[in-house]
Amino acid sequence: MGYNRGMAEFNASDLEPGQIESKDNGERLGRSAGGRLVQLRRRISEPGFVVTVDAEASADVPTELLTQEWAAANAAFDRFMREF
């Protein structure tokens, strides 16, 4: 369920569980199956990507991934959308 408008054009609170918004540059914002906000964005200070979810972190359940690999970032985004 993706849409192709810029992320600045909508309010993240309007996303329904399972809904994903994508920017032209590949950055993604979604609402997970459990209602958590998940983001994939390009890093500004260094090359690469960051994927985050607005859930409480614990030692065995990471809520953030930093990577230089596009495929790893997309896989983490999809996993966070399913698992949270």
C-alpha atoms as a PDB file:
ATOM      1  CA  MET A   1       0.000   0.000   0.000  1.00  0.00           C
ATOM      2  CA  GLY A   2       2.342   2.733  -1.088  1.00  0.00           C
ATOM      3  CA  TYR A   3       1.694   6.228  -2.321  1.00  0.00           C
ATOM      4  CA  ASN A   4       4.139   8.370  -4.220  1.00  0.00           C
ATOM      5  CA  ARG A   5       3.743  11.825  -2.728  1.00  0.00           C
ATOM      6  CA  GLY A   6       6.363  13.625  -0.644  1.00  0.00           C
ATOM      7  CA  MET A   7       6.464  12.866   3.080  1.00  0.00           C
ATOM      8  CA  ALA A   8       6.031  16.540   3.931  1.00  0.00           C
ATOM      9  CA  GLU A   9       2.614  16.473   2.230  1.00  0.00           C
ATOM     10  CA  PHE A  10       0.857  14.404   4.898  1.00  0.00           C
ATOM     11  CA  ASN A  11       0.648  13.961   8.622  1.00  0.00           C
ATOM     12  CA  ALA A  12       2.183  10.691   9.855  1.00  0.00           C
ATOM     13  CA  SER A  13      -0.734  10.321  12.264  1.00  0.00           C
ATOM     14  CA  ASP A  14      -2.992   9.887   9.212  1.00  0.00           C
ATOM     15  CA  LEU A  15      -1.301   6.597   8.265  1.00  0.00           C
ATOM     16  CA  GLU A  16      -3.306   3.435   8.814  1.00  0.00           C
ATOM     17  CA  PRO A  17      -1.607   0.203   9.998  1.00  0.00           C
ATOM     18  CA  GLY A  18       0.152  -1.349   7.008  1.00  0.00           C
ATOM     19  CA  GLN A  19       0.165   1.897   5.018  1.00  0.00           C
ATOM     20  CA  ILE A  20       3.467   3.137   3.532  1.00  0.00           C
ATOM     21  CA  GLU A  21       4.340   6.485   1.950  1.00  0.00           C
ATOM     22  CA  SER A  22       7.410   6.782  -0.300  1.00  0.00           C
ATOM     23  CA  LYS A  23       9.420   9.739  -1.556  1.00  0.00           C
ATOM     24  CA  ASP A  24      10.982   9.906  -5.000  1.00  0.00           C
ATOM     25  CA  ASN A  25      14.444   9.413  -3.437  1.00  0.00           C
ATOM     26  CA  GLY A  26      13.387   6.085  -1.876  1.00  0.00           C
ATOM     27  CA  GLU A  27      12.864   7.274   1.700  1.00  0.00           C
ATOM     28  CA  ARG A  28       9.849   5.563   3.261  1.00  0.00           C
ATOM     29  CA  LEU A  29       7.462   6.199   6.144  1.00  0.00           C
ATOM     30  CA  GLY A  30       4.907   3.660   7.309  1.00  0.00           C
ATOM     31  CA  ARG A  31       2.631   2.547  10.102  1.00  0.00           C
ATOM     32  CA  SER A  32       3.432  -1.015  11.189  1.00  0.00           C
ATOM     33  CA  ALA A  33       0.862  -3.751  11.680  1.00  0.00           C
ATOM     34  CA  GLY A  34       0.967  -2.931  15.409  1.00  0.00           C
ATOM     35  CA  GLY A  35       0.491   0.812  14.822  1.00  0.00           C
ATOM     36  CA  ARG A  36       4.131   1.921  15.264  1.00  0.00           C
ATOM     37  CA  LEU A  37       5.692   4.591  13.044  1.00  0.00           C
ATOM     38  CA  VAL A  38       8.549   3.184  10.908  1.00  0.00           C
ATOM     39  CA  GLN A  39      10.947   5.392   8.918  1.00  0.00           C
ATOM     40  CA  LEU A  40      13.692   4.726   6.390  1.00  0.00           C
ATOM     41  CA  ARG A  41      15.725   7.819   5.548  1.00  0.00           C
ATOM     42  CA  ARG A  42      19.075   8.770   4.145  1.00  0.00           C
ATOM     43  CA  ARG A  43      21.722   9.802   6.643  1.00  0.00           C
ATOM     44  CA  ILE A  44      22.848  13.417   6.429  1.00  0.00           C
ATOM     45  CA  SER A  45      26.107  13.418   8.387  1.00  0.00           C
ATOM     46  CA  GLU A  46      27.538  10.285   6.743  1.00  0.00           C
ATOM     47  CA  PRO A  47      26.748   8.095   3.733  1.00  0.00           C
ATOM     48  CA  GLY A  48      24.113   5.476   4.327  1.00  0.00           C
ATOM     49  CA  PHE A  49      20.631   4.986   5.709  1.00  0.00           C
ATOM     50  CA  VAL A  50      18.851   4.826   9.039  1.00  0.00           C
ATOM     51  CA  VAL A  51      15.714   2.812   9.766  1.00  0.00           C
ATOM     52  CA  THR A  52      13.805   3.524  12.994  1.00  0.00           C
ATOM     53  CA  VAL A  53      10.609   2.445  14.703  1.00  0.00           C
ATOM     54  CA  ASP A  54       8.887   4.330  17.529  1.00  0.00           C
ATOM     55  CA  ALA A  55       8.943   1.425  19.959  1.00  0.00           C
ATOM     56  CA  GLU A  56      10.754   0.899  23.235  1.00  0.00           C
ATOM     57  CA  ALA A  57      14.200  -0.567  22.657  1.00  0.00           C
ATOM     58  CA  SER A  58      15.506  -3.580  24.507  1.00  0.00           C
ATOM     59  CA  ALA A  59      18.759  -5.542  24.355  1.00  0.00           C
ATOM     60  CA  ASP A  60      17.408  -8.220  22.016  1.00  0.00           C
ATOM     61  CA  VAL A  61      14.930  -6.105  20.009  1.00  0.00           C
ATOM     62  CA  PRO A  62      16.644  -3.235  18.151  1.00  0.00           C
ATOM     63  CA  THR A  63      14.513  -0.269  17.124  1.00  0.00           C
ATOM     64  CA  GLU A  64      17.143   1.372  14.907  1.00  0.00           C
ATOM     65  CA  LEU A  65      19.446   0.188  12.145  1.00  0.00           C
ATOM     66  CA  LEU A  66      22.304   2.185  10.587  1.00  0.00           C
ATOM     67  CA  THR A  67      23.643   0.824   7.314  1.00  0.00           C
ATOM     68  CA  GLN A  68      25.368   1.868   4.118  1.00  0.00           C
ATOM     69  CA  GLU A  69      23.538  -0.819   2.166  1.00  0.00           C
ATOM     70  CA  TRP A  70      20.276   0.091   0.452  1.00  0.00           C
ATOM     71  CA  ALA A  71      19.100  -3.540   0.442  1.00  0.00           C
ATOM     72  CA  ALA A  72      19.736  -3.894   4.198  1.00  0.00           C
ATOM     73  CA  ALA A  73      17.793  -0.693   4.895  1.00  0.00           C
ATOM     74  CA  ASN A  74      14.799  -1.861   2.861  1.00  0.00           C
ATOM     75  CA  ALA A  75      14.868  -5.306   4.479  1.00  0.00           C
ATOM     76  CA  ALA A  76      14.946  -3.736   7.955  1.00  0.00           C
ATOM     77  CA  PHE A  77      12.052  -1.415   7.069  1.00  0.00           C
ATOM     78  CA  ASP A  78       9.955  -4.366   5.875  1.00  0.00           C
ATOM     79  CA  ARG A  79      10.876  -6.410   8.989  1.00  0.00           C
ATOM     80  CA  PHE A  80       9.987  -3.534  11.357  1.00  0.00           C
ATOM     81  CA  MET A  81       6.659  -3.115   9.522  1.00  0.00           C
ATOM     82  CA  ARG A  82       5.844  -6.793  10.168  1.00  0.00           C
ATOM     83  CA  GLU A  83       7.298  -7.260  13.669  1.00  0.00           C
ATOM     84  CA  PHE A  84       6.137  -4.108  15.402  1.00  0.00           C
END
